[in-house]
Amino acid sequence: MHKAAILELGNGHTETIYSQTLFLNSHNYEVHLIANKSHQSRIKSFKTVDSFLYIDTDKNKIKQYYQIKKYLKYNNINILVINTAAWSVISFLPFMLFGVKIIGITHGLEKLRNSFSQKLLSLKIKKYFVLSEQLFDNAKKEFSLEFSYFYPMFFQKQGNIDLEKKRDELWITIPGQLEYKRRDYISLIKNLPNYIPDSIKFIILGSCNNHDGHDFITKLKSKKIDKNFIFFDTFVDDKIFHNYLLKSDLILPLPPYNSRYLNNAISGTYNLAYAYSKAQLLPLHCEQIKDFSNKAIFYDENDLYNLITKTEKLKAKILYIEKNLLSDTKLSLKYQSKKYVDFINN
């Protein structure tokens, strides 16, 4: 039996782990997950993992790295996928590992381009996954490293919750904590009128209990449209999170108007839309992105409200995109898992 380990020592990016364990598991790998102990509550239920090792990242780095090295050697693991392959997270660990094939995941291209420490890491890590086809196309043109890509769009099944949704309601969901630096909420407020029908609901699927959240709610109240928004004042439990996505009609990522961002990074929101075969509402400046072809409804920011109130036209567009997503071979588990396993083996 082949063996492989996935490593995450950072404080984030756990949303990309389950898909990888599923890919490996579906190809009969013995799957090991080495993770920062802070992630234990979120990953311990993964049935796709054969063995877990939790690392206390408050310990001396040398001790952490020797613990990982010893674990890999004891379990005869010679493939390691580093889920956040950044110097700030793993520093010199790869240089301590011999006889282990190391593949990194980079969550954006800027570090490969501009970071001296990342260039140093790339002396040891020659192969990287990126998280979209667009980033893959951009990376292979620019860097003399090996690249592949996958969409971390598979999630462990959650139990059902009976969420009340009226028959005529349109649910437009914005996943993630409310932060102005991550999403263009200001344009959203600016382009919504002072009256919205009760049937249209915007769901902010993340904590709004911070400065930006309070400011956003105040702005909505001043326009008297806060009744059209559903908020959470704390972390949203996984079961609640995924059940809201299941019942949503549209996903609204609100990416910033920034060409550097679009060409160098992605939002996890896109993968949530793929996971649940949901149409995305994206501004026109995203139309150039290959990944969104036939997977999104594009809008002029000044015309967003008109778009979401043309009910019959909108329903037809949503249905068309849902069919495209369900039939897209590149999004299938079979295609993605084979692509992933082939890359780590070659």
Protein backbone atom coordinates (compact mmCIF):
# COMPACT_ATOMS: atom_id res chain seq x y z
CA MET A 1 0.00 0.00 0.00
CA HIS A 2 1.22 3.50 -0.89
CA LYS A 3 1.58 5.98 1.94
CA ALA A 4 1.42 9.76 2.00
CA ALA A 5 1.24 12.47 4.64
CA ILE A 6 -0.33 15.91 4.54
CA LEU A 7 1.19 18.56 6.78
CA GLU A 8 -0.42 21.77 8.09
CA LEU A 9 1.48 23.63 10.79
CA GLY A 10 -0.16 27.01 10.20
CA ASN A 11 -3.30 28.41 11.76
CA GLY A 12 -5.42 28.37 8.59
CA HIS A 13 -6.15 26.65 5.27
CA THR A 14 -7.85 23.63 6.84
CA GLU A 15 -10.55 23.94 4.16
CA THR A 16 -8.14 22.46 1.60
CA ILE A 17 -7.21 19.37 3.63
CA TYR A 18 -10.27 17.12 3.40
CA SER A 19 -10.29 17.06 -0.41
CA GLN A 20 -6.69 15.84 -0.44
CA THR A 21 -7.32 13.08 2.08
CA LEU A 22 -10.30 12.01 -0.03
CA PHE A 23 -8.18 11.94 -3.21
CA LEU A 24 -5.56 9.75 -1.54
CA ASN A 25 -8.09 7.53 0.18
CA SER A 26 -9.97 6.90 -3.07
CA HIS A 27 -6.70 5.60 -4.58
CA ASN A 28 -6.08 3.25 -1.65
CA TYR A 29 -3.34 5.25 0.02
CA GLU A 30 -2.60 4.99 3.71
CA VAL A 31 -3.29 8.59 4.68
CA HIS A 32 -1.44 10.38 7.48
CA LEU A 33 -2.38 13.87 8.63
CA ILE A 34 0.15 15.91 10.60
CA ALA A 35 -1.40 19.12 11.88
CA ASN A 36 -1.17 22.00 14.27
CA LYS A 37 -3.00 20.84 17.41
CA SER A 38 -5.30 23.88 17.12
CA HIS A 39 -7.02 22.12 14.19
CA GLN A 40 -7.81 18.92 16.10
CA SER A 41 -11.51 19.64 16.70
CA ARG A 42 -12.12 20.33 12.99
CA ILE A 43 -10.21 17.39 11.48
CA LYS A 44 -10.37 14.56 14.02
CA SER A 45 -13.59 13.19 12.47
CA PHE A 46 -12.09 12.75 8.98
CA LYS A 47 -12.80 9.12 8.09
CA THR A 48 -10.44 9.45 5.14
CA VAL A 49 -7.40 9.59 7.45
CA ASP A 50 -5.67 6.49 8.85
CA SER A 51 -3.43 8.21 11.37
CA PHE A 52 -3.16 11.66 12.97
CA LEU A 53 -0.21 13.44 14.54
CA TYR A 54 -0.92 16.72 16.33
CA ILE A 55 1.94 19.16 16.74
CA ASP A 56 2.25 21.67 19.56
CA THR A 57 3.49 24.65 17.56
CA ASP A 58 4.28 26.57 20.76
CA LYS A 59 7.25 24.25 21.23
CA ASN A 60 10.74 24.90 19.96
CA LYS A 61 10.78 24.57 16.14
CA ILE A 62 13.68 22.13 16.15
CA LYS A 63 11.73 19.82 18.47
CA GLN A 64 8.64 20.09 16.26
CA TYR A 65 10.62 19.26 13.14
CA TYR A 66 12.41 16.31 14.68
CA GLN A 67 9.05 14.97 15.86
CA ILE A 68 7.76 15.16 12.27
CA LYS A 69 10.94 13.65 10.83
CA LYS A 70 10.81 10.78 13.31
CA TYR A 71 7.13 10.13 12.53
CA LEU A 72 7.73 9.99 8.78
CA LYS A 73 10.66 7.63 9.19
CA TYR A 74 8.89 5.33 11.68
CA ASN A 75 5.87 5.00 9.38
CA ASN A 76 7.94 4.62 6.19
CA ILE A 77 6.30 7.62 4.54
CA ASN A 78 8.15 8.97 1.53
CA ILE A 79 5.58 11.43 0.16
CA LEU A 80 4.76 14.63 2.06
CA VAL A 81 2.33 17.28 0.83
CA ILE A 82 2.78 20.57 2.68
CA ASN A 83 -0.59 22.28 2.78
CA THR A 84 0.88 25.74 3.40
CA ALA A 85 4.33 25.72 1.82
CA ALA A 86 5.45 29.11 3.12
CA TRP A 87 8.64 29.91 5.03
CA SER A 88 6.64 31.66 7.75
CA VAL A 89 4.95 28.31 8.48
CA ILE A 90 7.54 25.60 7.78
CA SER A 91 10.85 27.53 7.49
CA PHE A 92 13.75 25.04 7.16
CA LEU A 93 11.81 21.80 7.81
CA PRO A 94 12.06 20.54 4.18
CA PHE A 95 15.85 20.76 4.35
CA MET A 96 15.84 18.32 7.28
CA LEU A 97 13.96 15.63 5.37
CA PHE A 98 15.89 13.14 3.24
CA GLY A 99 14.39 10.36 1.16
CA VAL A 100 11.02 12.13 1.24
CA LYS A 101 9.38 13.56 -1.87
CA ILE A 102 7.99 16.97 -0.91
CA ILE A 103 5.16 18.69 -2.77
CA GLY A 104 3.99 22.12 -1.68
CA ILE A 105 0.72 23.98 -1.97
CA THR A 106 0.96 27.69 -2.62
CA HIS A 107 -2.18 29.70 -1.94
CA GLY A 108 -1.07 32.57 -4.17
CA LEU A 109 1.64 33.34 -6.71
CA GLU A 110 3.00 36.56 -5.15
CA LYS A 111 5.27 34.71 -2.73
CA LEU A 112 6.84 32.64 -5.51
CA ARG A 113 7.52 35.83 -7.39
CA ASN A 114 8.63 38.25 -4.69
CA SER A 115 9.70 36.36 -1.57
CA PHE A 116 13.38 35.51 -1.14
CA SER A 117 12.53 32.91 1.51
CA GLN A 118 10.04 31.25 -0.85
CA LYS A 119 12.70 31.09 -3.55
CA LEU A 120 14.98 29.47 -0.97
CA LEU A 121 12.29 26.88 -0.15
CA SER A 122 11.90 26.18 -3.85
CA LEU A 123 15.47 24.88 -3.94
CA LYS A 124 14.02 21.91 -2.05
CA ILE A 125 10.36 22.00 -3.12
CA LYS A 126 10.31 21.68 -6.90
CA LYS A 127 6.62 20.79 -7.30
CA TYR A 128 3.64 22.88 -6.28
CA PHE A 129 -0.11 22.61 -6.39
CA VAL A 130 -2.12 25.77 -6.98
CA LEU A 131 -5.85 25.95 -6.37
CA SER A 132 -7.36 26.80 -9.76
CA GLU A 133 -6.77 26.26 -13.45
CA GLN A 134 -6.28 30.00 -13.95
CA LEU A 135 -3.45 30.09 -11.39
CA PHE A 136 -1.97 26.96 -12.97
CA ASP A 137 -1.89 28.61 -16.41
CA ASN A 138 -0.29 31.74 -14.96
CA ALA A 139 2.27 29.84 -12.88
CA LYS A 140 3.56 27.54 -15.61
CA LYS A 141 4.15 30.53 -17.91
CA GLU A 142 6.21 32.38 -15.32
CA PHE A 143 8.10 29.94 -13.10
CA SER A 144 10.57 27.15 -13.87
CA LEU A 145 8.96 24.76 -11.37
CA GLU A 146 6.46 21.93 -11.82
CA PHE A 147 2.80 22.76 -11.21
CA SER A 148 -0.55 21.08 -11.07
CA TYR A 149 -3.87 22.19 -9.63
CA PHE A 150 -6.95 20.92 -7.87
CA TYR A 151 -10.14 22.42 -6.52
CA PRO A 152 -10.53 21.84 -2.76
CA MET A 153 -14.27 21.54 -3.18
CA PHE A 154 -15.01 18.32 -1.29
CA PHE A 155 -16.19 18.46 2.29
CA GLN A 156 -17.13 15.90 4.87
CA LYS A 157 -20.89 15.28 4.88
CA GLN A 158 -22.78 17.15 7.58
CA GLY A 159 -26.12 16.22 9.11
CA ASN A 160 -29.21 18.01 7.86
CA ILE A 161 -30.82 20.91 9.70
CA ASP A 162 -34.37 21.99 8.95
CA LEU A 163 -33.79 25.62 7.99
CA GLU A 164 -36.98 27.55 7.30
CA LYS A 165 -37.06 28.99 3.79
CA LYS A 166 -40.23 30.33 2.23
CA ARG A 167 -41.09 29.14 -1.26
CA ASP A 168 -40.70 32.55 -2.91
CA GLU A 169 -37.44 33.50 -1.14
CA LEU A 170 -34.18 34.06 -2.96
CA TRP A 171 -31.16 33.30 -0.76
CA ILE A 172 -27.92 34.99 -1.77
CA THR A 173 -25.08 33.81 0.44
CA ILE A 174 -21.75 35.47 1.23
CA PRO A 175 -19.59 32.88 3.08
CA GLY A 176 -16.92 33.88 5.57
CA GLN A 177 -16.26 36.39 8.33
CA LEU A 178 -17.25 39.93 7.43
CA GLU A 179 -14.08 41.87 6.66
CA TYR A 180 -13.80 44.78 4.25
CA LYS A 181 -10.27 43.82 3.19
CA ARG A 182 -11.47 40.40 1.97
CA ARG A 183 -14.66 41.34 0.13
CA ASP A 184 -16.12 44.42 -1.48
CA TYR A 185 -19.02 44.96 0.91
CA ILE A 186 -18.89 48.73 0.39
CA SER A 187 -19.89 48.42 -3.28
CA LEU A 188 -22.69 46.06 -2.28
CA ILE A 189 -24.22 48.63 0.09
CA LYS A 190 -23.71 51.42 -2.43
CA ASN A 191 -25.53 49.55 -5.19
CA LEU A 192 -28.53 48.34 -3.21
CA PRO A 193 -31.61 50.61 -3.06
CA ASN A 194 -33.37 51.77 0.10
CA TYR A 195 -36.10 49.22 -0.45
CA ILE A 196 -35.67 45.49 -1.19
CA PRO A 197 -38.58 43.01 -1.27
CA ASP A 198 -38.81 40.78 1.80
CA SER A 199 -38.35 37.72 -0.41
CA ILE A 200 -34.70 38.59 -1.11
CA LYS A 201 -32.34 37.53 1.67
CA PHE A 202 -28.60 38.10 1.86
CA ILE A 203 -26.94 35.64 4.24
CA ILE A 204 -23.59 36.68 5.74
CA LEU A 205 -22.33 33.20 6.60
CA GLY A 206 -19.64 34.14 9.11
CA SER A 207 -19.13 36.21 12.22
CA CYS A 208 -20.10 39.89 11.97
CA ASN A 209 -18.99 40.58 15.52
CA ASN A 210 -16.07 42.88 14.69
CA HIS A 211 -15.45 46.51 13.72
CA ASP A 212 -16.27 46.01 10.02
CA GLY A 213 -19.33 43.93 10.86
CA HIS A 214 -20.74 46.57 13.20
CA ASP A 215 -20.03 49.30 10.65
CA PHE A 216 -21.70 47.30 7.87
CA ILE A 217 -24.84 46.67 9.91
CA THR A 218 -25.03 50.37 10.82
CA LYS A 219 -24.86 51.29 7.13
CA LEU A 220 -27.61 48.78 6.29
CA LYS A 221 -29.84 50.16 9.06
CA SER A 222 -29.36 53.68 7.73
CA LYS A 223 -30.78 52.46 4.40
CA LYS A 224 -33.49 50.46 6.22
CA ILE A 225 -32.53 47.21 4.47
CA ASP A 226 -31.05 45.31 7.43
CA LYS A 227 -34.23 43.14 7.50
CA ASN A 228 -33.05 41.62 4.20
CA PHE A 229 -29.84 40.33 5.80
CA ILE A 230 -29.22 37.33 8.04
CA PHE A 231 -26.24 37.77 10.38
CA PHE A 232 -24.25 35.68 12.85
CA ASP A 233 -22.42 37.20 15.79
CA THR A 234 -20.07 34.27 16.33
CA PHE A 235 -18.23 31.51 14.45
CA VAL A 236 -20.69 29.55 12.30
CA ASP A 237 -20.76 25.84 13.12
CA ASP A 238 -19.84 23.59 10.16
CA LYS A 239 -23.25 21.90 10.12
CA ILE A 240 -25.12 25.21 10.04
CA PHE A 241 -22.65 26.62 7.49
CA HIS A 242 -23.08 23.76 5.02
CA ASN A 243 -26.86 23.53 5.44
CA TYR A 244 -27.24 27.22 4.55
CA LEU A 245 -25.10 26.64 1.46
CA LEU A 246 -27.28 23.69 0.46
CA LYS A 247 -30.41 25.88 0.55
CA SER A 248 -28.82 28.92 -1.10
CA ASP A 249 -29.79 29.97 -4.61
CA LEU A 250 -26.71 32.04 -5.37
CA ILE A 251 -23.22 32.57 -3.96
CA LEU A 252 -21.92 36.15 -3.86
CA PRO A 253 -18.10 36.21 -3.44
CA LEU A 254 -17.67 40.04 -3.72
CA PRO A 255 -14.01 39.83 -4.89
CA PRO A 256 -12.06 43.09 -4.68
CA TYR A 257 -11.58 45.00 -7.92
CA ASN A 258 -7.90 44.21 -8.18
CA SER A 259 -6.31 42.54 -11.20
CA ARG A 260 -3.29 41.48 -9.12
CA TYR A 261 -5.59 39.60 -6.77
CA LEU A 262 -7.55 37.95 -9.58
CA ASN A 263 -4.41 36.72 -11.33
CA ASN A 264 -2.48 35.63 -8.26
CA ALA A 265 -4.92 34.23 -5.70
CA ILE A 266 -8.37 32.73 -5.32
CA SER A 267 -11.16 32.88 -2.79
CA GLY A 268 -12.32 29.75 -0.99
CA THR A 269 -15.85 30.95 -1.78
CA TYR A 270 -15.45 29.79 -5.39
CA ASN A 271 -14.83 26.22 -4.28
CA LEU A 272 -17.86 26.29 -1.99
CA ALA A 273 -19.95 27.21 -5.02
CA TYR A 274 -18.48 24.30 -7.00
CA ALA A 275 -18.98 21.94 -4.06
CA TYR A 276 -22.71 22.58 -3.93
CA SER A 277 -23.20 23.22 -7.68
CA LYS A 278 -24.34 26.77 -7.00
CA ALA A 279 -24.25 29.65 -9.45
CA GLN A 280 -22.04 32.56 -8.45
CA LEU A 281 -22.80 36.24 -8.89
CA LEU A 282 -19.57 37.88 -10.00
CA PRO A 283 -18.72 41.42 -11.19
CA LEU A 284 -17.90 41.92 -14.85
CA HIS A 285 -14.16 42.27 -14.21
CA CYS A 286 -14.11 38.53 -13.32
CA GLU A 287 -15.40 37.50 -16.74
CA GLN A 288 -11.83 37.12 -18.03
CA ILE A 289 -11.10 34.31 -15.55
CA LYS A 290 -11.09 30.91 -17.24
CA ASP A 291 -12.42 29.05 -14.18
CA PHE A 292 -15.69 31.02 -14.23
CA SER A 293 -16.66 30.23 -17.80
CA ASN A 294 -20.27 28.91 -17.74
CA LYS A 295 -20.12 28.79 -13.93
CA ALA A 296 -21.18 32.31 -12.98
CA ILE A 297 -23.63 35.11 -13.69
CA PHE A 298 -21.76 38.35 -14.32
CA TYR A 299 -23.14 41.71 -13.33
CA ASP A 300 -22.39 45.35 -13.71
CA GLU A 301 -22.21 46.66 -10.14
CA ASN A 302 -24.76 49.38 -10.92
CA ASP A 303 -27.17 46.75 -12.21
CA LEU A 304 -26.92 44.09 -9.49
CA TYR A 305 -30.31 44.88 -7.97
CA ASN A 306 -32.10 44.78 -11.34
CA LEU A 307 -30.50 41.41 -12.06
CA ILE A 308 -31.64 39.75 -8.84
CA THR A 309 -35.20 41.05 -9.14
CA LYS A 310 -35.79 39.70 -12.67
CA THR A 311 -36.98 36.44 -11.19
CA GLU A 312 -37.79 34.27 -14.20
CA LYS A 313 -34.68 35.24 -16.17
CA LEU A 314 -32.55 34.69 -13.09
CA LYS A 315 -34.05 31.25 -12.41
CA ALA A 316 -33.25 30.17 -15.98
CA LYS A 317 -29.63 31.34 -15.64
CA ILE A 318 -29.25 29.57 -12.29
CA LEU A 319 -30.60 26.32 -13.71
CA TYR A 320 -28.27 26.54 -16.73
CA ILE A 321 -25.20 27.03 -14.52
CA GLU A 322 -26.18 24.29 -12.08
CA LYS A 323 -26.41 21.84 -15.00
CA ASN A 324 -22.98 22.95 -16.25
CA LEU A 325 -21.42 22.47 -12.83
CA LEU A 326 -22.93 19.01 -12.38
CA SER A 327 -21.70 17.86 -15.81
CA ASP A 328 -18.20 19.38 -15.65
CA THR A 329 -15.76 16.43 -15.66
CA LYS A 330 -12.91 18.58 -14.30
CA LEU A 331 -14.86 19.04 -11.09
CA SER A 332 -15.51 15.33 -10.57
CA LEU A 333 -13.84 13.35 -7.79
CA LYS A 334 -12.61 10.77 -10.31
CA TYR A 335 -10.83 13.36 -12.47
CA GLN A 336 -9.40 15.42 -9.63
CA SER A 337 -8.18 12.52 -7.50
CA LYS A 338 -6.36 10.90 -10.44
CA LYS A 339 -4.77 14.24 -11.38
CA TYR A 340 -3.65 14.77 -7.78
CA VAL A 341 -2.20 11.30 -7.31
CA ASP A 342 -0.45 11.32 -10.69
CA PHE A 343 1.30 14.59 -9.81
CA ILE A 344 2.59 13.47 -6.41
CA ASN A 345 3.85 10.20 -7.92
CA ASN A 346 5.63 11.49 -11.04
